[in-house]
PDB file of N, CA and C in Angstrom:
ATOM      1  N   UNK A   1     -10.381  34.399 -29.573  1.00  0.00           N
ATOM      2  CA  UNK A   1     -10.801  33.937 -28.493  1.00  0.00           C
ATOM      3  C   UNK A   1      -8.949  34.434 -27.064  1.00  0.00           C
ATOM      4  N   UNK A   2      -8.847  34.457 -25.963  1.00  0.00           N
ATOM      5  CA  UNK A   2      -7.706  34.502 -25.666  1.00  0.00           C
ATOM      6  C   UNK A   2      -7.029  33.504 -25.292  1.00  0.00           C
ATOM      7  N   UNK A   3      -5.447  34.089 -24.992  1.00  0.00           N
ATOM      8  CA  UNK A   3      -4.900  32.630 -25.092  1.00  0.00           C
ATOM      9  C   UNK A   3      -4.843  31.572 -23.832  1.00  0.00           C
ATOM     10  N   UNK A   4      -5.546  32.176 -22.556  1.00  0.00           N
ATOM     11  CA  UNK A   4      -6.223  31.703 -21.177  1.00  0.00           C
ATOM     12  C   UNK A   4      -6.864  30.404 -21.019  1.00  0.00           C
ATOM     13  N   UNK A   5      -8.074  31.027 -22.234  1.00  0.00           N
ATOM     14  CA  UNK A   5      -8.952  29.835 -22.885  1.00  0.00           C
ATOM     15  C   UNK A   5      -8.560  29.064 -23.548  1.00  0.00           C
ATOM     16  N   UNK A   6      -7.893  29.501 -24.607  1.00  0.00           N
ATOM     17  CA  UNK A   6      -7.354  28.520 -25.510  1.00  0.00           C
ATOM     18  C   UNK A   6      -6.779  27.548 -25.304  1.00  0.00           C
ATOM     19  N   UNK A   7      -5.599  27.929 -24.029  1.00  0.00           N
ATOM     20  CA  UNK A   7      -4.924  26.619 -23.296  1.00  0.00           C
ATOM     21  C   UNK A   7      -5.573  26.181 -22.770  1.00  0.00           C
ATOM     22  N   UNK A   8      -6.787  25.972 -21.761  1.00  0.00           N
ATOM     23  CA  UNK A   8      -7.632  25.284 -20.592  1.00  0.00           C
ATOM     24  C   UNK A   8      -8.493  24.654 -21.853  1.00  0.00           C
ATOM     25  N   UNK A   9      -8.907  25.048 -23.597  1.00  0.00           N
ATOM     26  CA  UNK A   9      -9.144  24.195 -24.069  1.00  0.00           C
ATOM     27  C   UNK A   9      -8.325  23.317 -24.560  1.00  0.00           C
ATOM     28  N   UNK A  10      -7.749  23.246 -24.829  1.00  0.00           N
ATOM     29  CA  UNK A  10      -6.759  22.659 -25.515  1.00  0.00           C
ATOM     30  C   UNK A  10      -6.151  21.498 -24.678  1.00  0.00           C
ATOM     31  N   UNK A  11      -6.071  22.324 -23.148  1.00  0.00           N
ATOM     32  CA  UNK A  11      -5.762  20.793 -22.160  1.00  0.00           C
ATOM     33  C   UNK A  11      -6.429  20.081 -21.407  1.00  0.00           C
ATOM     34  N   UNK A  12      -7.663  20.802 -21.952  1.00  0.00           N
ATOM     35  CA  UNK A  12      -8.977  19.533 -21.486  1.00  0.00           C
ATOM     36  C   UNK A  12      -8.507  18.772 -22.507  1.00  0.00           C
ATOM     37  N   UNK A  13      -8.913  19.072 -23.823  1.00  0.00           N
ATOM     38  CA  UNK A  13      -8.757  18.135 -25.232  1.00  0.00           C
ATOM     39  C   UNK A  13      -7.739  17.362 -24.916  1.00  0.00           C
ATOM     40  N   UNK A  14      -6.369  17.484 -24.086  1.00  0.00           N
ATOM     41  CA  UNK A  14      -5.121  17.115 -24.570  1.00  0.00           C
ATOM     42  C   UNK A  14      -6.069  15.560 -23.762  1.00  0.00           C
ATOM     43  N   UNK A  15      -6.347  16.468 -22.180  1.00  0.00           N
ATOM     44  CA  UNK A  15      -6.503  14.994 -21.119  1.00  0.00           C
ATOM     45  C   UNK A  15      -7.397  14.339 -21.627  1.00  0.00           C
ATOM     46  N   UNK A  16      -8.513  14.487 -22.684  1.00  0.00           N
ATOM     47  CA  UNK A  16      -9.676  13.876 -23.248  1.00  0.00           C
ATOM     48  C   UNK A  16      -8.857  12.811 -23.649  1.00  0.00           C
ATOM     49  N   UNK A  17      -8.159  12.912 -25.071  1.00  0.00           N
ATOM     50  CA  UNK A  17      -7.189  11.743 -25.471  1.00  0.00           C
ATOM     51  C   UNK A  17      -6.614  11.443 -24.844  1.00  0.00           C
ATOM     52  N   UNK A  18      -6.212  11.581 -23.506  1.00  0.00           N
ATOM     53  CA  UNK A  18      -5.641  10.644 -23.243  1.00  0.00           C
ATOM     54  C   UNK A  18      -6.691   9.280 -22.165  1.00  0.00           C
ATOM     55  N   UNK A  19      -7.199   9.961 -21.947  1.00  0.00           N
ATOM     56  CA  UNK A  19      -8.447   9.020 -21.244  1.00  0.00           C
ATOM     57  C   UNK A  19      -9.029   7.996 -22.394  1.00  0.00           C
ATOM     58  N   UNK A  20      -9.034   8.753 -22.831  1.00  0.00           N
ATOM     59  CA  UNK A  20      -9.483   7.989 -24.464  1.00  0.00           C
ATOM     60  C   UNK A  20      -8.280   6.547 -24.788  1.00  0.00           C
ATOM     61  N   UNK A  21      -7.407   7.439 -24.988  1.00  0.00           N
ATOM     62  CA  UNK A  21      -6.423   6.173 -25.443  1.00  0.00           C
ATOM     63  C   UNK A  21      -6.225   4.968 -24.308  1.00  0.00           C
ATOM     64  N   UNK A  22      -5.849   5.778 -22.586  1.00  0.00           N
ATOM     65  CA  UNK A  22      -5.963   4.654 -21.644  1.00  0.00           C
ATOM     66  C   UNK A  22      -7.120   3.518 -21.673  1.00  0.00           C
ATOM     67  N   UNK A  23      -8.248   4.458 -22.420  1.00  0.00           N
ATOM     68  CA  UNK A  23      -9.949   3.543 -21.848  1.00  0.00           C
ATOM     69  C   UNK A  23      -9.210   2.158 -23.335  1.00  0.00           C
ATOM     70  N   UNK A  24      -8.849   3.025 -24.381  1.00  0.00           N
ATOM     71  CA  UNK A  24      -8.529   2.283 -25.883  1.00  0.00           C
ATOM     72  C   UNK A  24      -7.470   0.645 -25.525  1.00  0.00           C
ATOM     73  N   UNK A  25      -6.702   0.752 -24.619  1.00  0.00           N
ATOM     74  CA  UNK A  25      -5.531   0.506 -23.795  1.00  0.00           C
ATOM     75  C   UNK A  25      -6.012  -0.846 -23.049  1.00  0.00           C
ATOM     76  N   UNK A  26      -7.259  -0.673 -22.169  1.00  0.00           N
ATOM     77  CA  UNK A  26      -7.627  -0.821 -20.850  1.00  0.00           C
ATOM     78  C   UNK A  26      -8.339  -2.185 -22.205  1.00  0.00           C
ATOM     79  N   UNK A  27      -9.083  -1.850 -23.187  1.00  0.00           N
ATOM     80  CA  UNK A  27      -9.819  -2.877 -23.478  1.00  0.00           C
ATOM     81  C   UNK A  27      -8.999  -3.691 -24.183  1.00  0.00           C
ATOM     82  N   UNK A  28      -7.870  -3.219 -25.156  1.00  0.00           N
ATOM     83  CA  UNK A  28      -7.157  -4.678 -25.793  1.00  0.00           C
ATOM     84  C   UNK A  28      -6.112  -4.710 -24.713  1.00  0.00           C
ATOM     85  N   UNK A  29      -6.049  -4.886 -23.563  1.00  0.00           N
ATOM     86  CA  UNK A  29      -5.333  -5.827 -22.982  1.00  0.00           C
ATOM     87  C   UNK A  29      -6.241  -6.691 -21.986  1.00  0.00           C
ATOM     88  N   UNK A  30      -7.167  -7.359 -22.777  1.00  0.00           N
ATOM     89  CA  UNK A  30      -8.300  -7.934 -22.253  1.00  0.00           C
ATOM     90  C   UNK A  30      -8.761  -7.811 -20.812  1.00  0.00           C
ATOM     91  N   UNK A  31      -9.374  -6.383 -20.645  1.00  0.00           N
ATOM     92  CA  UNK A  31      -9.822  -6.524 -19.482  1.00  0.00           C
ATOM     93  C   UNK A  31     -11.738  -6.508 -19.759  1.00  0.00           C
ATOM     94  N   UNK A  32     -11.453  -6.428 -21.335  1.00  0.00           N
ATOM     95  CA  UNK A  32     -13.570  -6.062 -21.593  1.00  0.00           C
ATOM     96  C   UNK A  32     -13.763  -7.893 -22.555  1.00  0.00           C
ATOM     97  N   UNK A  33     -15.173  -8.022 -22.129  1.00  0.00           N
ATOM     98  CA  UNK A  33     -15.022  -9.206 -23.435  1.00  0.00           C
ATOM     99  C   UNK A  33     -16.627  -8.904 -23.735  1.00  0.00           C
ATOM    100  N   UNK A  34     -16.368  -9.115 -24.965  1.00  0.00           N
ATOM    101  CA  UNK A  34     -17.939  -8.572 -25.710  1.00  0.00           C
ATOM    102  C   UNK A  34     -19.073  -9.871 -25.203  1.00  0.00           C
ATOM    103  N   UNK A  35     -20.550  -9.931 -24.572  1.00  0.00           N
ATOM    104  CA  UNK A  35     -20.899 -10.905 -25.055  1.00  0.00           C
ATOM    105  C   UNK A  35     -21.878 -10.536 -25.488  1.00  0.00           C
ATOM    106  N   UNK A  36     -22.942 -11.846 -26.399  1.00  0.00           N
ATOM    107  CA  UNK A  36     -23.939 -11.402 -26.850  1.00  0.00           C
ATOM    108  C   UNK A  36     -25.025 -12.738 -26.297  1.00  0.00           C
ATOM    109  N   UNK A  37     -25.956 -12.190 -26.227  1.00  0.00           N
ATOM    110  CA  UNK A  37     -27.561 -13.064 -25.414  1.00  0.00           C
ATOM    111  C   UNK A  37     -28.480 -12.662 -26.290  1.00  0.00           C
ATOM    112  N   UNK A  38     -29.025 -13.362 -26.430  1.00  0.00           N
ATOM    113  CA  UNK A  38     -30.829 -13.071 -26.929  1.00  0.00           C
ATOM    114  C   UNK A  38     -30.571 -12.088 -28.247  1.00  0.00           C
ATOM    115  N   UNK A  39     -29.643 -11.771 -28.639  1.00  0.00           N
ATOM    116  CA  UNK A  39     -29.436 -10.759 -29.854  1.00  0.00           C
ATOM    117  C   UNK A  39     -28.446  -9.772 -29.501  1.00  0.00           C
ATOM    118  N   UNK A  40     -28.721  -9.276 -28.371  1.00  0.00           N
ATOM    119  CA  UNK A  40     -28.112  -8.265 -27.981  1.00  0.00           C
ATOM    120  C   UNK A  40     -26.866  -8.188 -26.871  1.00  0.00           C
ATOM    121  N   UNK A  41     -26.033  -6.882 -27.723  1.00  0.00           N
ATOM    122  CA  UNK A  41     -24.282  -7.332 -27.324  1.00  0.00           C
ATOM    123  C   UNK A  41     -24.315  -6.272 -25.733  1.00  0.00           C
ATOM    124  N   UNK A  42     -23.172  -6.744 -24.979  1.00  0.00           N
ATOM    125  CA  UNK A  42     -23.076  -6.583 -24.018  1.00  0.00           C
ATOM    126  C   UNK A  42     -21.643  -6.694 -23.477  1.00  0.00           C
ATOM    127  N   UNK A  43     -20.857  -5.689 -22.958  1.00  0.00           N
ATOM    128  CA  UNK A  43     -19.822  -5.869 -22.256  1.00  0.00           C
ATOM    129  C   UNK A  43     -19.675  -5.636 -21.079  1.00  0.00           C
ATOM    130  N   UNK A  44     -18.536  -6.392 -20.858  1.00  0.00           N
ATOM    131  CA  UNK A  44     -18.282  -7.542 -18.767  1.00  0.00           C
ATOM    132  C   UNK A  44     -16.765  -7.216 -19.012  1.00  0.00           C
ATOM    133  N   UNK A  45     -16.030  -6.961 -17.888  1.00  0.00           N
ATOM    134  CA  UNK A  45     -15.039  -6.595 -17.330  1.00  0.00           C
ATOM    135  C   UNK A  45     -14.653  -7.565 -16.918  1.00  0.00           C
ATOM    136  N   UNK A  46     -13.341  -8.018 -16.918  1.00  0.00           N
ATOM    137  CA  UNK A  46     -12.508  -8.132 -15.684  1.00  0.00           C
ATOM    138  C   UNK A  46     -12.363  -8.160 -14.378  1.00  0.00           C
ATOM    139  N   UNK A  47     -12.824  -7.214 -14.085  1.00  0.00           N
ATOM    140  CA  UNK A  47     -12.426  -6.880 -12.603  1.00  0.00           C
ATOM    141  C   UNK A  47     -13.507  -6.722 -11.682  1.00  0.00           C
ATOM    142  N   UNK A  48     -14.882  -7.338 -12.630  1.00  0.00           N
ATOM    143  CA  UNK A  48     -16.489  -7.791 -12.067  1.00  0.00           C
ATOM    144  C   UNK A  48     -16.292  -9.003 -12.568  1.00  0.00           C
ATOM    145  N   UNK A  49     -15.292  -9.958 -12.600  1.00  0.00           N
ATOM    146  CA  UNK A  49     -15.537 -11.163 -12.738  1.00  0.00           C
ATOM    147  C   UNK A  49     -16.101 -11.447 -14.149  1.00  0.00           C
ATOM    148  N   UNK A  50     -16.433 -10.702 -14.972  1.00  0.00           N
ATOM    149  CA  UNK A  50     -17.404 -10.874 -16.312  1.00  0.00           C
ATOM    150  C   UNK A  50     -19.095 -10.774 -15.956  1.00  0.00           C
ATOM    151  N   UNK A  51     -19.142 -10.669 -14.795  1.00  0.00           N
ATOM    152  CA  UNK A  51     -20.466 -10.905 -14.270  1.00  0.00           C
ATOM    153  C   UNK A  51     -21.252  -9.285 -14.589  1.00  0.00           C
ATOM    154  N   UNK A  52     -20.865  -7.763 -14.728  1.00  0.00           N
ATOM    155  CA  UNK A  52     -21.507  -7.301 -14.884  1.00  0.00           C
ATOM    156  C   UNK A  52     -21.105  -7.230 -16.443  1.00  0.00           C
ATOM    157  N   UNK A  53     -22.801  -6.976 -17.041  1.00  0.00           N
ATOM    158  CA  UNK A  53     -23.572  -6.603 -18.105  1.00  0.00           C
ATOM    159  C   UNK A  53     -23.567  -4.603 -18.607  1.00  0.00           C
ATOM    160  N   UNK A  54     -22.872  -4.366 -19.600  1.00  0.00           N
ATOM    161  CA  UNK A  54     -22.791  -3.213 -19.746  1.00  0.00           C
ATOM    162  C   UNK A  54     -23.528  -2.641 -21.044  1.00  0.00           C
ATOM    163  N   UNK A  55     -24.118  -2.109 -21.469  1.00  0.00           N
ATOM    164  CA  UNK A  55     -24.588  -2.278 -22.834  1.00  0.00           C
ATOM    165  C   UNK A  55     -24.512  -1.409 -24.008  1.00  0.00           C
ATOM    166  N   UNK A  56     -23.753  -0.298 -23.561  1.00  0.00           N
ATOM    167  CA  UNK A  56     -23.012   0.727 -24.670  1.00  0.00           C
ATOM    168  C   UNK A  56     -21.396   0.496 -24.563  1.00  0.00           C
ATOM    169  N   UNK A  57     -20.853   1.312 -25.083  1.00  0.00           N
ATOM    170  CA  UNK A  57     -19.400   1.765 -25.406  1.00  0.00           C
ATOM    171  C   UNK A  57     -18.728   2.777 -24.333  1.00  0.00           C
ATOM    172  N   UNK A  58     -20.415   3.495 -24.731  1.00  0.00           N
ATOM    173  CA  UNK A  58     -20.202   5.209 -23.342  1.00  0.00           C
ATOM    174  C   UNK A  58     -20.409   4.547 -22.067  1.00  0.00           C
ATOM    175  N   UNK A  59     -21.447   3.586 -21.958  1.00  0.00           N
ATOM    176  CA  UNK A  59     -21.158   3.082 -20.830  1.00  0.00           C
ATOM    177  C   UNK A  59     -20.175   2.154 -20.436  1.00  0.00           C
ATOM    178  N   UNK A  60     -19.742   1.720 -21.518  1.00  0.00           N
ATOM    179  CA  UNK A  60     -18.056   1.203 -20.179  1.00  0.00           C
ATOM    180  C   UNK A  60     -17.048   2.310 -19.992  1.00  0.00           C
ATOM    181  N   UNK A  61     -17.264   3.059 -20.823  1.00  0.00           N
ATOM    182  CA  UNK A  61     -16.251   4.294 -20.759  1.00  0.00           C
ATOM    183  C   UNK A  61     -16.554   5.216 -19.439  1.00  0.00           C
ATOM    184  N   UNK A  62     -17.862   5.179 -19.217  1.00  0.00           N
ATOM    185  CA  UNK A  62     -18.066   5.622 -17.589  1.00  0.00           C
ATOM    186  C   UNK A  62     -17.909   5.424 -16.818  1.00  0.00           C
ATOM    187  N   UNK A  63     -18.155   3.745 -16.743  1.00  0.00           N
ATOM    188  CA  UNK A  63     -17.563   2.331 -15.668  1.00  0.00           C
ATOM    189  C   UNK A  63     -15.859   2.688 -15.570  1.00  0.00           C
ATOM    190  N   UNK A  64     -15.511   2.838 -16.777  1.00  0.00           N
ATOM    191  CA  UNK A  64     -13.921   2.865 -16.555  1.00  0.00           C
ATOM    192  C   UNK A  64     -13.613   4.118 -15.588  1.00  0.00           C
ATOM    193  N   UNK A  65     -14.368   5.316 -16.307  1.00  0.00           N
ATOM    194  CA  UNK A  65     -13.788   6.635 -15.404  1.00  0.00           C
ATOM    195  C   UNK A  65     -14.269   6.267 -13.695  1.00  0.00           C
ATOM    196  N   UNK A  66     -15.464   5.948 -13.817  1.00  0.00           N
ATOM    197  CA  UNK A  66     -15.822   5.986 -12.238  1.00  0.00           C
ATOM    198  C   UNK A  66     -15.094   4.828 -11.091  1.00  0.00           C
ATOM    199  N   UNK A  67     -14.972   3.995 -12.121  1.00  0.00           N
ATOM    200  CA  UNK A  67     -14.306   2.160 -11.683  1.00  0.00           C
ATOM    201  C   UNK A  67     -12.089   3.318 -11.231  1.00  0.00           C
ATOM    202  N   UNK A  68     -12.339   3.295 -12.381  1.00  0.00           N
ATOM    203  CA  UNK A  68     -10.219   3.536 -12.136  1.00  0.00           C
ATOM    204  C   UNK A  68     -10.252   5.004 -12.050  1.00  0.00           C
ATOM    205  N   UNK A  69     -10.683   6.191 -12.485  1.00  0.00           N
ATOM    206  CA  UNK A  69     -10.566   7.395 -11.762  1.00  0.00           C
ATOM    207  C   UNK A  69      -9.010   7.636 -12.518  1.00  0.00           C
ATOM    208  N   UNK A  70      -9.088   6.971 -14.249  1.00  0.00           N
ATOM    209  CA  UNK A  70      -8.131   8.117 -14.847  1.00  0.00           C
ATOM    210  C   UNK A  70      -7.634   9.449 -14.804  1.00  0.00           C
ATOM    211  N   UNK A  71      -6.425   9.574 -14.659  1.00  0.00           N
ATOM    212  CA  UNK A  71      -5.791  11.122 -14.319  1.00  0.00           C
ATOM    213  C   UNK A  71      -6.157  11.523 -12.948  1.00  0.00           C
ATOM    214  N   UNK A  72      -6.495  11.089 -12.131  1.00  0.00           N
ATOM    215  CA  UNK A  72      -7.197  10.850 -10.890  1.00  0.00           C
ATOM    216  C   UNK A  72      -8.783  12.545 -10.969  1.00  0.00           C
ATOM    217  N   UNK A  73      -9.406  12.268 -11.746  1.00  0.00           N
ATOM    218  CA  UNK A  73     -10.253  12.996 -12.393  1.00  0.00           C
ATOM    219  C   UNK A  73     -11.649  12.979 -11.212  1.00  0.00           C
TER     220      UNK A  73
END
């Protein structure tokens, strides 16, 4: 593999790791709560006054990236 491609892959991995770290920090800082309604688990976020219902952690990550644009992605 050439060095340029290796550096690009490494940089993308580092950015992904940083976004995941920032995402985890956002959750741990109390910005997300878990709600269980009718045996279904949802996530709700402080910025939406806990009125939104996000069904999975993957969807929550998508929401985080869309709403907060970490690293100006």
